[in-house]
Amino acid sequence: MIRLPHLLALIALPVLLAAAASAGQDRALWPEVPKAIGTPHPEGNEYWRRHHPDLLRHDRDLTLRMGDRTVRASLRQCLVCHAVTGPDARPVAAGDPGGFCAVCHEYAAVSIDCFTCHKATPDARGLRVIEKARAMGNTPETATMIADYLEALQKGTAFAPQPEATE
């Protein structure tokens, strides 16, 4: 037969353990997503969080099966604003731990297969845009420069960030 003190201890133990675990740390319910540069998506970030797999698949099909190179949601465009830099100030691959894509995909236990074909870091032009945008901060000029770069990507034309104005 179980004595009352033992019963109370069995009931109180899980409650005390849960309280101790939550008191020592301030864990968020969602993963901490690295901040992007530039302006938020026109449709809203929550829309893109929920629908990006479908949008990317749709645009993949347009590009690969129909030859349309003017798609809106290319991975190359994503990496411009969502590149995460490592301790060496160079972008980490999107699928590496701490990379923009990996943070949520690890949390949701979803594999990332995009980068079996696509480059997981920005190209040289994208790196110049990212470095200049980070130096400029989140300003209207930054948003314009990123928009110009993305437009050049869609058109397949050359792009170079404008040099700083000298006084």
Protein backbone atom coordinates (compact mmCIF):
# COMPACT_ATOMS: atom_id res chain seq x y z
CA MET A 1 0.00 0.00 0.00
CA ILE A 2 1.24 3.46 -0.90
CA ARG A 3 1.47 5.91 1.93
CA LEU A 4 0.10 9.42 1.56
CA PRO A 5 3.54 11.15 1.71
CA HIS A 6 4.79 8.89 -1.10
CA LEU A 7 1.70 9.60 -3.19
CA LEU A 8 2.11 13.34 -2.71
CA ALA A 9 5.78 13.07 -3.68
CA LEU A 10 4.89 11.16 -6.86
CA ILE A 11 2.35 13.80 -7.79
CA ALA A 12 4.57 16.78 -6.90
CA LEU A 13 7.74 15.48 -8.58
CA PRO A 14 6.67 16.06 -12.23
CA VAL A 15 5.29 19.50 -11.35
CA LEU A 16 8.49 20.53 -9.59
CA LEU A 17 10.68 19.20 -12.40
CA ALA A 18 8.68 21.08 -15.02
CA ALA A 19 8.83 24.30 -12.99
CA ALA A 20 12.60 23.96 -12.47
CA ALA A 21 13.18 23.32 -16.16
CA SER A 22 11.18 26.34 -17.28
CA ALA A 23 12.52 28.69 -14.58
CA GLY A 24 16.13 28.27 -15.64
CA GLN A 25 15.59 29.02 -19.30
CA ASP A 26 13.39 31.27 -21.35
CA ARG A 27 12.71 28.94 -24.29
CA ALA A 28 10.63 30.24 -27.12
CA LEU A 29 7.92 28.16 -28.67
CA TRP A 30 9.35 28.78 -32.17
CA PRO A 31 12.91 28.74 -33.45
CA GLU A 32 14.86 31.99 -33.56
CA VAL A 33 14.95 32.83 -37.26
CA PRO A 34 17.93 34.94 -38.43
CA LYS A 35 16.96 38.46 -39.48
CA ALA A 36 16.91 39.18 -43.21
CA ILE A 37 18.21 42.32 -44.87
CA GLY A 38 16.02 44.50 -47.05
CA THR A 39 12.29 45.05 -46.85
CA PRO A 40 9.75 42.39 -45.85
CA HIS A 41 7.91 40.43 -48.52
CA PRO A 42 4.97 42.40 -50.01
CA GLU A 43 2.66 39.49 -49.22
CA GLY A 44 3.91 39.42 -45.64
CA ASN A 45 6.48 37.20 -43.98
CA GLU A 46 3.88 34.89 -42.47
CA TYR A 47 2.49 34.18 -45.95
CA TRP A 48 5.97 33.18 -47.16
CA ARG A 49 6.65 31.05 -44.08
CA ARG A 50 3.51 29.07 -44.73
CA HIS A 51 3.55 28.90 -48.54
CA HIS A 52 7.22 28.98 -49.61
CA PRO A 53 7.40 25.25 -50.45
CA ASP A 54 4.43 25.52 -52.81
CA LEU A 55 5.67 28.78 -54.35
CA LEU A 56 9.17 27.41 -54.92
CA ARG A 57 7.80 24.17 -56.42
CA HIS A 58 5.46 26.13 -58.69
CA ASP A 59 8.25 28.36 -59.93
CA ARG A 60 10.57 25.35 -60.28
CA ASP A 61 8.03 23.73 -62.57
CA LEU A 62 7.68 26.93 -64.62
CA THR A 63 11.45 27.18 -64.98
CA LEU A 64 12.36 23.55 -65.62
CA ARG A 65 9.37 22.30 -67.54
CA MET A 66 8.24 25.43 -69.37
CA GLY A 67 11.54 27.32 -69.70
CA ASP A 68 10.25 30.48 -68.00
CA ARG A 69 13.25 32.24 -66.44
CA THR A 70 11.28 35.22 -65.06
CA VAL A 71 9.94 33.47 -61.98
CA ARG A 72 9.40 35.41 -58.76
CA ALA A 73 10.61 32.90 -56.17
CA SER A 74 14.05 31.71 -57.18
CA LEU A 75 16.43 30.37 -54.57
CA ARG A 76 19.07 32.73 -55.87
CA GLN A 77 16.81 35.65 -54.94
CA CYS A 78 16.09 34.17 -51.51
CA LEU A 79 19.79 33.99 -50.67
CA VAL A 80 20.32 37.70 -51.31
CA CYS A 81 18.19 38.77 -48.34
CA HIS A 82 18.38 35.63 -46.23
CA ALA A 83 22.11 34.85 -46.24
CA VAL A 84 23.47 34.29 -42.73
CA THR A 85 27.11 35.07 -42.10
CA GLY A 86 29.38 32.93 -39.97
CA PRO A 87 32.18 33.98 -37.59
CA ASP A 88 34.43 34.66 -40.60
CA ALA A 89 31.84 37.13 -42.02
CA ARG A 90 31.26 34.83 -45.02
CA PRO A 91 27.79 33.39 -45.74
CA VAL A 92 27.14 29.92 -44.36
CA ALA A 93 25.34 27.50 -46.64
CA ALA A 94 21.58 27.81 -46.31
CA GLY A 95 21.24 24.18 -45.23
CA ASP A 96 24.11 24.23 -42.69
CA PRO A 97 23.30 24.51 -38.98
CA GLY A 98 22.52 28.14 -38.27
CA GLY A 99 21.76 28.83 -41.94
CA PHE A 100 18.49 30.61 -42.65
CA CYS A 101 16.71 27.59 -44.12
CA ALA A 102 18.14 25.07 -41.67
CA VAL A 103 16.86 26.84 -38.55
CA CYS A 104 13.19 26.19 -39.31
CA HIS A 105 13.68 22.99 -41.27
CA GLU A 106 15.56 21.37 -38.38
CA TYR A 107 12.88 22.54 -35.97
CA ALA A 108 10.14 21.05 -38.17
CA ALA A 109 12.20 17.91 -38.95
CA VAL A 110 11.93 18.57 -42.69
CA SER A 111 14.81 17.79 -45.03
CA ILE A 112 16.06 20.43 -47.43
CA ASP A 113 16.59 18.98 -50.89
CA CYS A 114 16.82 22.27 -52.81
CA PHE A 115 20.58 22.42 -52.50
CA THR A 116 21.28 19.10 -54.14
CA CYS A 117 20.99 21.07 -57.39
CA HIS A 118 21.22 24.71 -56.29
CA LYS A 119 24.14 26.59 -54.80
CA ALA A 120 23.55 27.10 -51.07
CA THR A 121 25.39 30.43 -50.78
CA PRO A 122 25.11 33.67 -52.74
CA ASP A 123 27.24 34.09 -55.85
CA ALA A 124 29.94 36.78 -56.08
CA ARG A 125 27.47 39.45 -57.24
CA GLY A 126 25.11 38.55 -54.43
CA LEU A 127 27.95 38.76 -51.90
CA ARG A 128 28.75 42.32 -53.02
CA VAL A 129 25.09 43.30 -52.64
CA ILE A 130 24.87 41.69 -49.20
CA GLU A 131 28.07 43.35 -47.95
CA LYS A 132 26.97 46.76 -49.21
CA ALA A 133 23.42 46.33 -47.83
CA ARG A 134 24.70 45.39 -44.38
CA ALA A 135 27.02 48.40 -44.40
CA MET A 136 24.15 50.71 -45.41
CA GLY A 137 21.71 49.36 -42.82
CA ASN A 138 18.01 48.87 -43.40
CA THR A 139 17.28 52.02 -45.42
CA PRO A 140 15.15 52.80 -48.48
CA GLU A 141 18.38 52.90 -50.52
CA THR A 142 19.16 49.35 -49.38
CA ALA A 143 15.74 48.16 -50.50
CA THR A 144 16.18 49.88 -53.88
CA MET A 145 19.63 48.34 -54.40
CA ILE A 146 18.34 44.84 -53.56
CA ALA A 147 15.33 45.34 -55.88
CA ASP A 148 17.67 46.46 -58.69
CA TYR A 149 19.84 43.39 -58.17
CA LEU A 150 16.85 41.03 -58.17
CA GLU A 151 15.52 42.67 -61.34
CA ALA A 152 18.92 42.20 -62.99
CA LEU A 153 18.84 38.53 -61.96
CA GLN A 154 15.45 38.05 -63.59
CA LYS A 155 16.54 39.78 -66.78
CA GLY A 156 19.94 38.07 -66.81
CA THR A 157 21.73 41.42 -67.08
CA ALA A 158 24.88 42.60 -65.34
CA PHE A 159 24.61 44.32 -61.99
CA ALA A 160 27.14 45.98 -59.72
CA PRO A 161 26.26 47.91 -56.56
CA GLN A 162 26.79 51.63 -57.03
CA PRO A 163 29.92 52.92 -55.27
CA GLU A 164 29.57 55.06 -52.17
CA ALA A 165 29.22 58.75 -52.88
CA THR A 166 32.34 60.66 -51.87
CA GLU A 167 32.23 64.17 -50.50
